[in-house]
Amino acid sequence: MYLLPLRAQVLIDQEATIETKNLYQNLFKLQDKKALLFGHQDALAYGVTWKDVPNRSDVKDVVGDYPAVFGWDIGGIEHQRSHNIDQVSFAKMKAFIVDRFEAGSINTISWHMDNPQSLGNSWDTTTAVASIIPGGKNHQLYVQWLDRAADFLKELKTKEGVYAPILFRPFHEHNGGWFWWGNPHCSPDDYIKLWKFTVDYLKNKKNIHHLIYVYNTNNFQSEEEFIHRYPGNDYADMMSFDTYQFAKPSPSKAELEQSKKDFTALLRNNLTVLQQYAQKNQKPMALAETGFETIPDPTWWTQTLYASVQDFDICYVLIWRNHGLKKEENQMHYYAPYKGHPSSSDFKNFYALPNVYFGKKTKALNLYK
């Protein structure tokens, strides 16, 4: 349980909006009561067999309720594109974010930013970070990209002018090697400089005060690995990590059981390390991305996911997106069940757990007050 003095629960942005401050305080309260909010990436934008259907969600199709946390990505905003990396219209994304804020839910944003050196995508690992920190040859390009992101963030407000608080998770999974900002591709010092410049620029130069800054890694074995490039408590509001369960297509019962065993051990080790460090530094924490592609285990929700996280003080867990059929790879790519999926029955059991929160229960919490 979190039993922290109120003075410790302060955002790094001292000018944060009242709604943002209230949400932050309530993240601690969620952990105190072991309330686990359920989230889904791009939940309103598309599903396994559909796209752009108003008010639809695969999650809602199964349990009659929306998720409590909605994940979005602004990859592509740096080029002023009309749609993001996953072909979600930025105009619709703005509307979704404001709508879910007004419904009492939480929005979180990541940014699969293109490589500013090569102009390839996020997975182009051409060395780039040193070129965009202050003094680098591409620094002004990065500033331009931040300006464009800032323009988008400033439009996330209601008709009355109230900004929707955002859990902002830039440069995520940074201890891995698959993104250009990853551990093998820049020094810890340069990564921290990039993080600090980004926070200071958005907060102090662009006057954006509705962000909660979320530090994020992939898997780790120790506290030393988790904080290897941590920017410090004055530059991060929240701590999180991403991890997924994997198995080959159509796994046998034995293979599925071994996959479950490996994932559970990894997840619980990550959570143990994270919880100790987050409590010591008085920060809320989350499982920012997780899932089991196509969910081949029909009891995954209660017997693997919930069984693994129930003893830890995370305020939310977010499942990745329901893309559906990826034609270029001829395979299905989804992480939440859809109506009729074999895990739907167990997902309903997960939904019914008293300390698991979806949209309706979350609305009653008044997280912004």
Protein backbone atom coordinates (compact mmCIF):
# COMPACT_ATOMS: atom_id res chain seq x y z
CA MET A 1 0.00 0.00 0.00
CA TYR A 2 1.10 3.56 -0.71
CA LEU A 3 1.15 5.55 2.52
CA LEU A 4 2.87 8.69 1.31
CA PRO A 5 2.84 12.23 2.68
CA LEU A 6 0.76 14.46 0.43
CA ARG A 7 3.69 16.82 -0.13
CA ALA A 8 5.53 14.05 -1.97
CA GLN A 9 2.76 13.61 -4.51
CA VAL A 10 3.61 16.72 -6.54
CA LEU A 11 3.86 16.97 -10.31
CA ILE A 12 7.13 18.15 -11.84
CA ASP A 13 5.12 20.90 -13.54
CA GLN A 14 4.25 23.33 -10.77
CA GLU A 15 1.85 25.12 -13.13
CA ALA A 16 -0.13 21.99 -13.99
CA THR A 17 -3.86 22.46 -14.47
CA ILE A 18 -6.11 21.61 -11.56
CA GLU A 19 -7.54 18.64 -13.46
CA THR A 20 -4.03 17.30 -14.06
CA LYS A 21 -3.07 17.75 -10.42
CA ASN A 22 -6.25 16.03 -9.30
CA LEU A 23 -5.68 13.10 -11.64
CA TYR A 24 -2.16 12.70 -10.32
CA GLN A 25 -3.34 12.63 -6.72
CA ASN A 26 -5.98 10.10 -7.64
CA LEU A 27 -3.43 7.79 -9.26
CA PHE A 28 -1.93 7.34 -5.79
CA LYS A 29 -5.37 6.77 -4.31
CA LEU A 30 -6.06 4.09 -6.92
CA GLN A 31 -2.93 2.29 -5.79
CA ASP A 32 -3.89 2.67 -2.15
CA LYS A 33 -7.14 0.83 -2.78
CA LYS A 34 -5.53 -1.61 -5.23
CA ALA A 35 -7.88 -0.47 -7.98
CA LEU A 36 -6.61 -1.71 -11.34
CA LEU A 37 -7.80 0.31 -14.33
CA PHE A 38 -7.97 -1.57 -17.63
CA GLY A 39 -6.72 0.13 -20.79
CA HIS A 40 -6.67 -0.60 -24.53
CA GLN A 41 -4.70 1.04 -27.35
CA ASP A 42 -6.75 2.76 -30.09
CA ALA A 43 -9.89 1.23 -28.60
CA LEU A 44 -12.37 3.56 -30.35
CA ALA A 45 -10.62 3.86 -33.70
CA TYR A 46 -10.82 0.29 -35.02
CA GLY A 47 -11.16 -3.38 -34.08
CA VAL A 48 -10.52 -6.83 -35.43
CA THR A 49 -13.02 -6.59 -38.31
CA TRP A 50 -14.05 -2.93 -38.37
CA LYS A 51 -12.81 0.66 -38.53
CA ASP A 52 -14.36 4.07 -37.95
CA VAL A 53 -17.65 2.87 -36.47
CA PRO A 54 -18.94 5.53 -34.05
CA ASN A 55 -19.01 4.55 -30.37
CA ARG A 56 -17.76 1.03 -31.07
CA SER A 57 -15.05 -0.86 -29.20
CA ASP A 58 -14.17 -4.56 -29.25
CA VAL A 59 -13.98 -4.39 -25.47
CA LYS A 60 -17.45 -2.86 -25.26
CA ASP A 61 -18.78 -5.50 -27.64
CA VAL A 62 -17.70 -8.18 -25.14
CA VAL A 63 -18.50 -6.66 -21.71
CA GLY A 64 -20.86 -3.80 -22.50
CA ASP A 65 -18.41 -1.21 -21.20
CA TYR A 66 -15.49 0.82 -22.49
CA PRO A 67 -11.95 0.56 -21.12
CA ALA A 68 -10.94 2.95 -18.35
CA VAL A 69 -7.66 3.96 -20.04
CA PHE A 70 -7.26 4.82 -23.72
CA GLY A 71 -3.87 4.64 -25.41
CA TRP A 72 -2.99 6.77 -28.45
CA ASP A 73 0.13 7.42 -30.51
CA ILE A 74 1.11 10.63 -32.28
CA GLY A 75 3.70 9.16 -34.64
CA GLY A 76 3.42 11.23 -37.82
CA ILE A 77 2.52 14.48 -36.10
CA GLU A 78 6.12 15.56 -36.64
CA HIS A 79 5.39 15.70 -40.41
CA GLN A 80 1.98 17.33 -40.00
CA ARG A 81 0.29 14.27 -41.47
CA SER A 82 -3.46 13.88 -41.29
CA HIS A 83 -3.22 10.34 -39.86
CA ASN A 84 -0.88 8.72 -37.37
CA ILE A 85 1.39 5.72 -37.76
CA ASP A 86 -1.60 3.37 -37.34
CA GLN A 87 -3.80 5.31 -39.78
CA VAL A 88 -5.88 6.97 -37.09
CA SER A 89 -7.02 10.44 -38.09
CA PHE A 90 -5.53 13.06 -35.80
CA ALA A 91 -8.78 14.99 -35.98
CA LYS A 92 -10.70 11.95 -34.76
CA MET A 93 -8.05 11.25 -32.13
CA LYS A 94 -8.55 14.71 -30.67
CA ALA A 95 -12.30 14.11 -30.49
CA PHE A 96 -11.81 10.67 -28.91
CA ILE A 97 -9.45 12.06 -26.26
CA VAL A 98 -11.75 14.90 -25.25
CA ASP A 99 -14.78 12.62 -25.25
CA ARG A 100 -13.10 10.08 -22.97
CA PHE A 101 -11.85 12.83 -20.65
CA GLU A 102 -15.38 14.14 -20.32
CA ALA A 103 -16.52 10.57 -19.62
CA GLY A 104 -14.09 10.39 -16.68
CA SER A 105 -11.55 8.05 -18.28
CA ILE A 106 -7.78 8.45 -18.72
CA ASN A 107 -5.82 9.10 -21.94
CA THR A 108 -2.18 8.20 -22.46
CA ILE A 109 -0.03 9.16 -25.46
CA SER A 110 3.16 7.62 -26.84
CA TRP A 111 5.11 8.90 -29.84
CA HIS A 112 6.63 6.57 -32.45
CA MET A 113 8.62 9.46 -33.85
CA ASP A 114 10.52 9.08 -37.12
CA ASN A 115 14.30 9.08 -37.03
CA PRO A 116 15.34 12.77 -37.31
CA GLN A 117 18.72 11.89 -38.81
CA SER A 118 17.73 9.44 -41.55
CA LEU A 119 14.01 10.33 -41.72
CA GLY A 120 13.31 6.61 -41.54
CA ASN A 121 10.76 5.28 -39.09
CA SER A 122 11.16 4.70 -35.33
CA TRP A 123 12.75 1.32 -35.97
CA ASP A 124 15.49 2.83 -38.14
CA THR A 125 18.33 2.77 -35.63
CA THR A 126 20.61 5.20 -37.44
CA THR A 127 22.39 7.22 -34.73
CA ALA A 128 20.26 10.30 -34.10
CA VAL A 129 19.93 11.37 -30.46
CA ALA A 130 23.22 13.26 -30.27
CA SER A 131 22.16 15.25 -33.34
CA ILE A 132 18.93 16.61 -31.81
CA ILE A 133 19.95 17.62 -28.30
CA PRO A 134 21.00 21.27 -27.89
CA GLY A 135 24.08 21.90 -30.02
CA GLY A 136 23.34 19.04 -32.42
CA LYS A 137 23.02 19.61 -36.16
CA ASN A 138 19.38 18.48 -36.20
CA HIS A 139 18.34 20.30 -33.05
CA GLN A 140 16.22 22.90 -34.84
CA LEU A 141 14.44 20.14 -36.77
CA TYR A 142 13.59 18.48 -33.47
CA VAL A 143 12.33 21.79 -32.09
CA GLN A 144 10.08 22.10 -35.14
CA TRP A 145 8.75 18.59 -34.50
CA LEU A 146 8.10 19.45 -30.86
CA ASP A 147 6.26 22.58 -31.96
CA ARG A 148 3.97 20.46 -34.11
CA ALA A 149 3.32 18.03 -31.25
CA ALA A 150 2.66 20.99 -28.97
CA ASP A 151 0.09 22.38 -31.41
CA PHE A 152 -1.74 19.05 -31.26
CA LEU A 153 -1.55 18.82 -27.47
CA LYS A 154 -2.93 22.34 -27.10
CA GLU A 155 -6.06 21.34 -29.01
CA LEU A 156 -6.98 18.62 -26.51
CA LYS A 157 -9.56 20.67 -24.67
CA THR A 158 -13.31 20.82 -24.21
CA LYS A 159 -15.62 23.43 -25.67
CA GLU A 160 -15.32 25.21 -22.33
CA GLY A 161 -11.53 25.36 -22.71
CA VAL A 162 -10.66 22.68 -20.13
CA TYR A 163 -7.57 20.70 -21.14
CA ALA A 164 -7.73 16.91 -21.05
CA PRO A 165 -4.86 15.66 -18.86
CA ILE A 166 -2.52 13.30 -20.70
CA LEU A 167 -0.15 10.63 -19.42
CA PHE A 168 2.68 11.41 -21.86
CA ARG A 169 5.11 8.52 -22.48
CA PRO A 170 7.82 9.66 -24.92
CA PHE A 171 10.92 7.66 -25.92
CA HIS A 172 9.40 4.48 -24.52
CA GLU A 173 11.03 1.07 -24.14
CA HIS A 174 14.33 2.91 -24.15
CA ASN A 175 16.42 0.07 -22.69
CA GLY A 176 15.72 -2.05 -25.77
CA GLY A 177 17.53 -1.78 -29.09
CA TRP A 178 14.67 -1.57 -31.60
CA PHE A 179 14.09 2.21 -31.56
CA TRP A 180 16.61 4.89 -32.56
CA TRP A 181 16.52 6.28 -28.99
CA GLY A 182 17.25 2.82 -27.54
CA ASN A 183 20.08 1.94 -25.21
CA PRO A 184 22.57 0.68 -27.85
CA HIS A 185 22.16 3.78 -30.01
CA CYS A 186 22.88 6.66 -27.63
CA SER A 187 24.69 7.28 -24.38
CA PRO A 188 22.79 7.55 -21.08
CA ASP A 189 23.89 11.18 -20.86
CA ASP A 190 22.49 12.05 -24.29
CA TYR A 191 19.20 10.23 -23.63
CA ILE A 192 18.75 12.14 -20.38
CA LYS A 193 19.61 15.43 -22.11
CA LEU A 194 16.98 14.66 -24.75
CA TRP A 195 14.36 13.82 -22.13
CA LYS A 196 15.07 16.92 -20.05
CA PHE A 197 15.07 19.23 -23.05
CA THR A 198 11.76 17.79 -24.21
CA VAL A 199 10.11 18.28 -20.82
CA ASP A 200 11.52 21.78 -20.34
CA TYR A 201 10.56 22.87 -23.85
CA LEU A 202 6.96 21.66 -23.66
CA LYS A 203 6.49 22.94 -20.13
CA ASN A 204 8.38 26.23 -20.16
CA LYS A 205 8.52 27.30 -23.81
CA LYS A 206 5.21 25.99 -25.11
CA ASN A 207 3.29 26.50 -21.86
CA ILE A 208 1.73 23.07 -21.93
CA HIS A 209 0.56 22.20 -18.42
CA HIS A 210 -1.73 19.21 -18.79
CA LEU A 211 0.90 16.48 -19.13
CA ILE A 212 1.98 13.83 -16.63
CA TYR A 213 5.39 12.61 -17.78
CA VAL A 214 5.76 8.82 -17.76
CA TYR A 215 9.19 7.14 -17.73
CA ASN A 216 9.04 3.80 -19.54
CA THR A 217 11.30 0.81 -20.17
CA ASN A 218 10.96 -2.66 -21.53
CA ASN A 219 11.92 -5.71 -19.41
CA PHE A 220 14.72 -5.41 -16.88
CA GLN A 221 16.38 -7.65 -14.32
CA SER A 222 17.40 -5.16 -11.65
CA GLU A 223 16.88 -1.67 -10.30
CA GLU A 224 20.19 -0.64 -11.87
CA GLU A 225 18.93 -1.64 -15.30
CA PHE A 226 15.55 0.05 -14.78
CA ILE A 227 17.08 3.41 -13.82
CA HIS A 228 20.06 3.23 -16.18
CA ARG A 229 18.86 6.31 -18.06
CA TYR A 230 16.36 7.69 -15.56
CA PRO A 231 16.25 11.52 -15.82
CA GLY A 232 15.62 12.02 -12.09
CA ASN A 233 12.61 12.66 -9.92
CA ASP A 234 12.40 16.29 -11.02
CA TYR A 235 11.82 15.19 -14.63
CA ALA A 236 9.47 12.20 -14.34
CA ASP A 237 6.06 11.97 -12.70
CA MET A 238 5.38 8.30 -13.14
CA MET A 239 7.22 5.01 -13.74
CA SER A 240 6.21 2.16 -16.05
CA PHE A 241 7.39 -0.66 -18.24
CA ASP A 242 6.14 -2.76 -21.18
CA THR A 243 6.21 -6.54 -21.48
CA TYR A 244 4.38 -9.11 -23.59
CA GLN A 245 3.77 -12.84 -23.53
CA PHE A 246 4.95 -14.76 -26.60
CA ALA A 247 4.31 -18.20 -28.07
CA LYS A 248 4.58 -19.66 -31.53
CA PRO A 249 1.36 -19.87 -33.59
CA SER A 250 -1.07 -22.58 -32.44
CA PRO A 251 1.00 -23.61 -29.42
CA SER A 252 0.52 -27.03 -27.85
CA LYS A 253 -0.80 -27.28 -24.31
CA ALA A 254 2.72 -27.86 -22.99
CA GLU A 255 4.13 -24.92 -24.98
CA LEU A 256 1.33 -22.69 -23.75
CA GLU A 257 1.98 -23.68 -20.15
CA GLN A 258 5.71 -22.98 -20.50
CA SER A 259 4.97 -19.62 -22.12
CA LYS A 260 2.69 -18.76 -19.20
CA LYS A 261 5.32 -19.80 -16.67
CA ASP A 262 8.04 -17.72 -18.34
CA PHE A 263 5.84 -14.64 -18.75
CA THR A 264 4.53 -14.77 -15.19
CA ALA A 265 8.04 -15.02 -13.75
CA LEU A 266 9.28 -12.14 -15.91
CA LEU A 267 6.28 -9.93 -15.17
CA ARG A 268 6.42 -10.48 -11.42
CA ASN A 269 10.16 -9.79 -11.30
CA ASN A 270 9.66 -6.54 -13.22
CA LEU A 271 6.83 -5.52 -10.91
CA THR A 272 8.81 -6.34 -7.78
CA VAL A 273 11.73 -4.17 -8.85
CA LEU A 274 9.47 -1.38 -10.10
CA GLN A 275 7.35 -1.28 -6.97
CA GLN A 276 10.36 -1.05 -4.67
CA TYR A 277 11.86 1.82 -6.67
CA ALA A 278 8.56 3.65 -7.24
CA GLN A 279 7.66 3.53 -3.57
CA LYS A 280 11.13 4.68 -2.57
CA ASN A 281 10.86 7.64 -4.94
CA GLN A 282 7.16 8.27 -4.31
CA LYS A 283 5.91 7.88 -7.87
CA PRO A 284 2.82 6.08 -9.15
CA MET A 285 3.41 3.18 -11.51
CA ALA A 286 1.77 1.30 -14.37
CA LEU A 287 2.08 -1.62 -16.73
CA ALA A 288 1.97 0.64 -19.77
CA GLU A 289 1.82 -2.05 -22.48
CA THR A 290 1.19 -5.77 -22.32
CA GLY A 291 -0.76 -8.56 -23.94
CA PHE A 292 -0.65 -11.96 -25.61
CA GLU A 293 -1.15 -11.71 -29.37
CA THR A 294 -4.41 -13.42 -30.45
CA ILE A 295 -4.84 -14.58 -26.81
CA PRO A 296 -4.49 -18.34 -27.44
CA ASP A 297 -4.98 -19.05 -23.73
CA PRO A 298 -8.75 -18.91 -22.99
CA THR A 299 -8.19 -18.13 -19.30
CA TRP A 300 -5.37 -15.62 -19.80
CA TRP A 301 -7.21 -12.68 -18.24
CA THR A 302 -7.81 -14.10 -14.78
CA GLN A 303 -5.27 -16.91 -14.54
CA THR A 304 -2.24 -15.17 -16.06
CA LEU A 305 -2.63 -11.39 -16.23
CA TYR A 306 -4.64 -10.75 -13.08
CA ALA A 307 -2.96 -13.53 -11.14
CA SER A 308 0.42 -11.93 -11.90
CA VAL A 309 -0.42 -8.30 -11.09
CA GLN A 310 -2.94 -8.54 -8.26
CA ASP A 311 -0.34 -8.31 -5.49
CA PHE A 312 1.22 -5.12 -6.86
CA ASP A 313 0.24 -1.46 -6.63
CA ILE A 314 -0.07 -0.55 -10.30
CA CYS A 315 -2.82 1.92 -11.15
CA TYR A 316 -3.46 0.65 -14.68
CA VAL A 317 -2.61 -2.01 -17.21
CA LEU A 318 -2.97 -1.34 -20.95
CA ILE A 319 -3.39 -3.98 -23.65
CA TRP A 320 -2.07 -3.26 -27.14
CA ARG A 321 -4.21 -2.64 -30.19
CA ASN A 322 -6.69 -4.78 -32.15
CA HIS A 323 -5.40 -4.31 -35.66
CA GLY A 324 -7.06 -7.43 -37.05
CA LEU A 325 -5.61 -9.10 -40.13
CA LYS A 326 -2.22 -7.73 -41.18
CA LYS A 327 -2.43 -8.56 -44.87
CA GLU A 328 1.22 -7.86 -45.50
CA GLU A 329 2.12 -10.57 -42.98
CA ASN A 330 -0.99 -12.72 -43.48
CA GLN A 331 -1.59 -12.98 -39.75
CA MET A 332 -3.94 -11.69 -37.09
CA HIS A 333 -2.69 -8.98 -34.74
CA TYR A 334 -4.90 -8.23 -31.74
CA TYR A 335 -4.60 -8.25 -27.94
CA ALA A 336 -8.12 -7.68 -26.56
CA PRO A 337 -10.94 -10.16 -27.19
CA TYR A 338 -13.71 -9.48 -29.65
CA LYS A 339 -17.24 -10.83 -29.46
CA GLY A 340 -17.13 -14.60 -29.81
CA HIS A 341 -13.42 -14.95 -29.06
CA PRO A 342 -12.54 -18.05 -26.98
CA SER A 343 -11.25 -15.88 -24.12
CA SER A 344 -14.40 -13.73 -23.98
CA SER A 345 -15.92 -15.68 -21.09
CA ASP A 346 -12.79 -15.27 -18.98
CA PHE A 347 -12.58 -11.61 -19.97
CA LYS A 348 -16.08 -11.15 -18.55
CA ASN A 349 -14.87 -12.78 -15.32
CA PHE A 350 -11.94 -10.35 -15.30
CA TYR A 351 -14.34 -7.45 -15.85
CA ALA A 352 -16.44 -8.58 -12.88
CA LEU A 353 -13.55 -8.61 -10.40
CA PRO A 354 -14.29 -6.03 -7.67
CA ASN A 355 -10.98 -4.19 -7.93
CA VAL A 356 -10.78 -4.16 -11.75
CA TYR A 357 -12.11 -0.94 -13.24
CA PHE A 358 -13.48 -0.26 -16.71
CA GLY A 359 -15.26 2.89 -17.88
CA LYS A 360 -18.41 2.88 -15.78
CA LYS A 361 -16.72 2.26 -12.43
CA THR A 362 -13.95 4.70 -13.29
CA LYS A 363 -16.42 7.47 -14.08
CA ALA A 364 -17.77 7.16 -10.55
CA LEU A 365 -14.28 7.82 -9.13
CA ASN A 366 -14.27 11.46 -10.36
CA LEU A 367 -10.56 11.28 -11.12
CA TYR A 368 -10.36 14.93 -12.17
CA LYS A 369 -11.92 16.35 -9.00
